[in-house]
N, C-alpha and C. Protein backbone atom coordinates (compact mmCIF):
# COMPACT_ATOMS: atom_id res chain seq x y z
N UNK A 1 -86.16 -10.13 154.19
CA UNK A 1 -85.99 -9.87 155.59
C UNK A 1 -84.96 -8.78 155.95
N UNK A 2 -85.10 -7.81 156.72
CA UNK A 2 -84.24 -6.95 157.32
C UNK A 2 -83.15 -7.72 157.88
N UNK A 3 -81.77 -7.44 157.96
CA UNK A 3 -80.91 -8.19 158.68
C UNK A 3 -81.22 -8.19 160.17
N UNK A 4 -81.65 -7.06 160.68
CA UNK A 4 -81.88 -6.85 162.00
C UNK A 4 -82.88 -7.69 162.65
N UNK A 5 -83.73 -8.25 161.70
CA UNK A 5 -84.89 -9.02 162.06
C UNK A 5 -84.22 -10.53 162.39
N UNK A 6 -83.31 -10.73 161.58
CA UNK A 6 -82.64 -12.18 161.83
C UNK A 6 -82.07 -12.19 163.33
N UNK A 7 -81.39 -11.16 163.59
CA UNK A 7 -80.82 -10.94 164.90
C UNK A 7 -81.81 -11.02 165.97
N UNK A 8 -82.81 -10.39 165.90
CA UNK A 8 -83.92 -10.15 166.85
C UNK A 8 -84.45 -11.44 167.01
N UNK A 9 -84.66 -12.29 165.97
CA UNK A 9 -85.28 -13.68 166.04
C UNK A 9 -84.24 -14.68 166.94
N UNK A 10 -83.02 -14.39 166.56
CA UNK A 10 -82.07 -15.37 167.37
C UNK A 10 -81.91 -14.91 168.74
N UNK A 11 -82.04 -13.58 169.10
CA UNK A 11 -81.93 -13.22 170.52
C UNK A 11 -83.20 -13.72 171.22
N UNK A 12 -84.31 -13.70 170.74
CA UNK A 12 -85.82 -14.31 171.24
C UNK A 12 -85.55 -15.68 171.46
N UNK A 13 -84.92 -16.37 170.32
CA UNK A 13 -84.93 -17.86 170.46
C UNK A 13 -83.84 -18.28 171.34
N UNK A 14 -82.70 -17.74 171.58
CA UNK A 14 -81.67 -18.33 172.40
C UNK A 14 -81.50 -17.49 173.74
N UNK A 15 -81.39 -16.37 173.72
CA UNK A 15 -81.17 -15.45 174.89
C UNK A 15 -82.31 -15.22 175.81
N UNK A 16 -83.41 -14.81 175.40
CA UNK A 16 -84.67 -14.47 176.27
C UNK A 16 -85.80 -15.60 176.20
N UNK A 17 -85.49 -16.80 175.53
CA UNK A 17 -86.61 -17.73 175.15
C UNK A 17 -87.27 -18.25 176.64
N UNK A 18 -88.36 -18.28 176.93
CA UNK A 18 -89.03 -18.81 177.98
C UNK A 18 -88.90 -17.94 179.39
N UNK A 19 -88.42 -16.82 179.13
CA UNK A 19 -88.43 -15.69 180.25
C UNK A 19 -89.55 -15.11 180.51
N UNK A 20 -90.16 -14.73 181.68
CA UNK A 20 -91.31 -13.89 181.84
C UNK A 20 -90.69 -12.53 182.53
N UNK A 21 -91.27 -11.40 182.08
CA UNK A 21 -90.81 -10.18 182.58
C UNK A 21 -91.80 -9.30 183.14
N UNK A 22 -91.55 -8.82 184.42
CA UNK A 22 -92.67 -8.06 185.08
C UNK A 22 -92.90 -6.71 184.47
N UNK A 23 -92.02 -6.04 183.76
CA UNK A 23 -92.12 -4.81 183.21
C UNK A 23 -91.21 -4.64 182.11
N UNK A 24 -91.37 -3.41 181.38
CA UNK A 24 -90.63 -3.23 180.32
C UNK A 24 -89.02 -2.93 180.61
N UNK A 25 -88.89 -2.57 181.86
CA UNK A 25 -87.45 -2.32 182.22
C UNK A 25 -86.73 -3.64 182.24
N UNK A 26 -87.20 -4.57 182.75
CA UNK A 26 -86.62 -5.96 183.05
C UNK A 26 -86.45 -6.59 181.59
N UNK A 27 -87.31 -6.43 180.61
CA UNK A 27 -87.11 -6.91 179.51
C UNK A 27 -86.17 -6.22 178.56
N UNK A 28 -85.99 -4.78 178.73
CA UNK A 28 -84.85 -3.99 178.29
C UNK A 28 -83.55 -4.62 178.70
N UNK A 29 -83.36 -4.78 180.01
CA UNK A 29 -82.13 -5.30 180.54
C UNK A 29 -81.77 -6.71 179.98
N UNK A 30 -82.86 -7.52 179.77
CA UNK A 30 -82.43 -8.79 179.35
C UNK A 30 -82.02 -8.79 177.86
N UNK A 31 -82.85 -7.83 177.00
CA UNK A 31 -82.31 -7.60 175.61
C UNK A 31 -80.88 -7.09 175.73
N UNK A 32 -80.46 -6.26 176.45
CA UNK A 32 -79.08 -5.60 176.44
C UNK A 32 -78.17 -6.81 176.96
N UNK A 33 -78.38 -7.57 177.77
CA UNK A 33 -77.66 -8.67 178.23
C UNK A 33 -77.63 -9.76 177.40
N UNK A 34 -78.54 -9.98 176.59
CA UNK A 34 -78.59 -11.14 175.41
C UNK A 34 -77.75 -10.54 174.24
N UNK A 35 -77.71 -9.32 173.93
CA UNK A 35 -76.90 -8.75 172.79
C UNK A 35 -75.38 -8.79 173.18
N UNK A 36 -75.25 -8.47 174.44
CA UNK A 36 -73.82 -8.50 174.93
C UNK A 36 -73.23 -9.97 174.81
N UNK A 37 -73.97 -10.95 175.29
CA UNK A 37 -73.76 -12.38 175.20
C UNK A 37 -73.57 -12.79 173.64
N UNK A 38 -74.47 -12.42 172.77
CA UNK A 38 -74.12 -12.76 171.35
C UNK A 38 -72.88 -12.10 170.66
N UNK A 39 -72.63 -10.95 171.19
CA UNK A 39 -71.55 -10.15 170.71
C UNK A 39 -70.15 -10.85 170.94
N UNK A 40 -70.23 -11.34 172.14
CA UNK A 40 -69.06 -11.94 172.72
C UNK A 40 -68.87 -13.22 172.17
N UNK A 41 -69.94 -14.10 171.90
CA UNK A 41 -69.97 -15.34 171.34
C UNK A 41 -69.48 -15.33 169.96
N UNK A 42 -69.87 -14.37 169.15
CA UNK A 42 -69.82 -14.06 167.70
C UNK A 42 -68.44 -13.32 167.56
N UNK A 43 -67.66 -12.71 168.68
CA UNK A 43 -66.55 -11.92 168.57
C UNK A 43 -66.55 -10.76 167.91
N UNK A 44 -67.73 -9.91 168.00
CA UNK A 44 -67.88 -8.69 167.27
C UNK A 44 -68.05 -7.62 168.42
N UNK A 45 -68.05 -6.36 168.07
CA UNK A 45 -68.16 -5.35 168.85
C UNK A 45 -69.53 -4.86 168.78
N UNK A 46 -69.95 -4.70 170.11
CA UNK A 46 -71.30 -4.10 170.38
C UNK A 46 -71.41 -2.64 170.72
N UNK A 47 -72.04 -1.80 170.07
CA UNK A 47 -71.89 -0.38 170.66
C UNK A 47 -73.44 -0.13 170.86
N UNK A 48 -73.48 0.59 171.96
CA UNK A 48 -74.56 0.80 172.59
C UNK A 48 -74.95 2.50 172.41
N UNK A 49 -76.17 2.76 171.83
CA UNK A 49 -76.70 4.04 171.78
C UNK A 49 -77.66 4.46 172.80
N UNK A 50 -77.53 5.52 173.28
CA UNK A 50 -78.33 6.15 174.34
C UNK A 50 -79.28 7.18 173.63
N UNK A 51 -80.43 7.03 173.82
CA UNK A 51 -81.49 8.12 173.32
C UNK A 51 -82.00 8.64 174.33
N UNK A 52 -82.25 10.11 174.30
CA UNK A 52 -82.90 10.78 175.18
C UNK A 52 -84.21 11.20 174.71
N UNK A 53 -85.18 10.83 175.19
CA UNK A 53 -86.67 11.32 174.91
C UNK A 53 -87.02 12.73 175.28
N UNK A 54 -87.65 13.43 174.49
CA UNK A 54 -87.99 14.74 174.76
C UNK A 54 -89.52 14.80 174.73
N UNK A 55 -90.06 15.19 176.01
CA UNK A 55 -91.62 15.19 176.07
C UNK A 55 -91.99 16.66 176.02
N UNK A 56 -92.97 17.12 175.43
CA UNK A 56 -93.66 18.29 175.51
C UNK A 56 -94.88 18.45 176.08
């Protein structure tokens, strides 16, 4: 299993388990908040990348 899959599983199991989201934006915010919580608990640095979509 890819290491990121383990982190995704932990995030779903602990940070966002049992929550319902009305839209993808709310889910994205919950994922970012969960990652921040996990990084603080694990005492590691979290770096956020911002991607810009280009539509033609």
